[in-house]
Protein backbone atom coordinates (compact mmCIF):
# COMPACT_ATOMS: atom_id res chain seq x y z
CA PHE A 1 -17.36 2.81 -35.39
CA LYS A 2 -13.78 1.67 -36.25
CA LEU A 3 -10.59 3.10 -35.26
CA GLY A 4 -7.44 2.26 -36.74
CA LYS A 5 -3.76 3.48 -36.52
CA GLY A 6 -3.63 7.06 -35.53
CA GLY A 7 -7.49 7.20 -34.94
CA PHE A 8 -9.03 9.54 -32.49
CA LYS A 9 -12.72 9.64 -31.06
CA LYS A 10 -14.26 11.80 -28.55
CA CYS A 11 -17.63 11.30 -27.01
CA GLU A 12 -18.67 13.91 -24.30
CA GLU A 13 -15.78 13.30 -21.59
CA LEU A 14 -14.68 10.08 -22.98
CA ALA A 15 -11.55 10.30 -25.56
CA VAL A 16 -10.24 7.31 -27.35
CA GLU A 17 -6.79 7.42 -29.25
CA VAL A 18 -5.48 4.27 -31.20
CA ASP A 19 -1.69 4.13 -31.89
CA MET A 20 0.20 1.25 -33.78
CA ALA A 21 0.25 -1.32 -30.92
CA SER A 22 -1.40 0.58 -28.07
CA ALA A 23 -5.02 2.34 -27.20
CA THR A 24 -5.35 5.10 -24.63
CA PHE A 25 -8.87 5.84 -23.05
CA SER A 26 -9.20 8.86 -21.21
CA LEU A 27 -12.33 9.94 -18.92
CA ARG A 28 -12.19 12.83 -16.23
CA ASP A 29 -9.09 12.36 -14.26
CA TRP A 30 -8.26 8.49 -15.33
CA THR A 31 -6.21 7.44 -18.33
CA ILE A 32 -6.11 3.77 -19.29
CA THR A 33 -3.52 2.65 -21.60
CA ALA A 34 -3.52 -0.84 -23.17
CA ARG A 35 -0.43 -1.96 -25.21
CA GLY A 36 0.37 -4.99 -27.09
CA ASN A 37 3.79 -6.79 -26.50
CA HIS A 38 5.68 -9.94 -27.20
CA VAL A 39 6.09 -12.38 -24.20
CA MET A 40 9.85 -12.18 -23.27
CA THR A 41 11.67 -15.52 -22.39
CA ARG A 42 8.68 -17.55 -23.46
CA VAL A 43 8.72 -21.33 -22.81
CA SER A 44 4.99 -22.12 -23.54
CA GLY A 45 1.72 -20.53 -23.90
CA PRO A 46 0.79 -17.20 -25.64
CA LYS A 47 3.32 -15.51 -27.70
CA HIS A 48 1.68 -11.95 -26.98
CA ARG A 49 0.40 -10.10 -24.01
CA ILE A 50 -1.56 -6.86 -23.00
CA ASP A 51 0.10 -4.55 -20.71
CA VAL A 52 -2.65 -2.19 -19.14
CA THR A 53 -1.53 1.01 -17.22
CA PHE A 54 -4.09 2.96 -15.07
CA THR A 55 -2.95 6.64 -14.53
CA ALA A 56 -5.10 8.87 -12.03
CA SER A 57 -4.56 12.66 -11.93
CA GLY A 58 -6.15 15.60 -9.88
CA GLU A 59 -8.46 14.75 -7.05
CA ALA A 60 -9.33 11.10 -8.58
CA VAL A 61 -7.58 9.11 -5.80
CA ALA A 62 -8.43 11.44 -2.86
CA ARG A 63 -12.33 11.30 -3.77
CA ASP A 64 -12.54 7.65 -3.64
CA GLN A 65 -11.53 4.86 -1.16
CA PRO A 66 -9.05 2.53 -2.64
CA HIS A 67 -10.43 -0.87 -3.24
CA GLY A 68 -9.48 -4.02 -5.25
CA VAL A 69 -6.08 -5.02 -6.83
CA ILE A 70 -5.88 -1.78 -8.93
CA GLY A 71 -7.35 0.77 -6.62
CA GLN A 72 -4.94 -0.14 -3.70
CA SER A 73 -1.96 0.21 -6.02
CA PHE A 74 -3.10 4.09 -5.98
CA ARG A 75 -3.08 4.26 -2.31
CA SER A 76 0.23 5.90 -2.09
CA ALA A 77 3.04 6.99 -4.32
CA THR A 78 5.33 3.91 -3.34
CA PRO A 79 5.79 1.61 -6.32
CA ARG A 80 4.12 -1.97 -5.62
CA ASN A 81 5.70 -4.80 -6.87
CA GLY A 82 4.57 -8.43 -6.83
CA LYS A 83 3.35 -11.39 -9.07
CA VAL A 84 0.02 -12.33 -10.45
């Protein structure tokens, strides 16, 4: 199937919503949003980037032990700042 701007599709627990420059995927207590953006202060390399946001709600964080770079960011409510 194809989804364009303003598209929405739901299959059992998975919901996918597409906006102008973003896509949101929701499954149970997790929401993942991918947004297209320009690379600011670009010197060389790609002109565009994809920003990915993970959001947990409910008991999602309490159920599983955090692991990996993304999982550890949900270990506490304290912001994590760093470079890739």
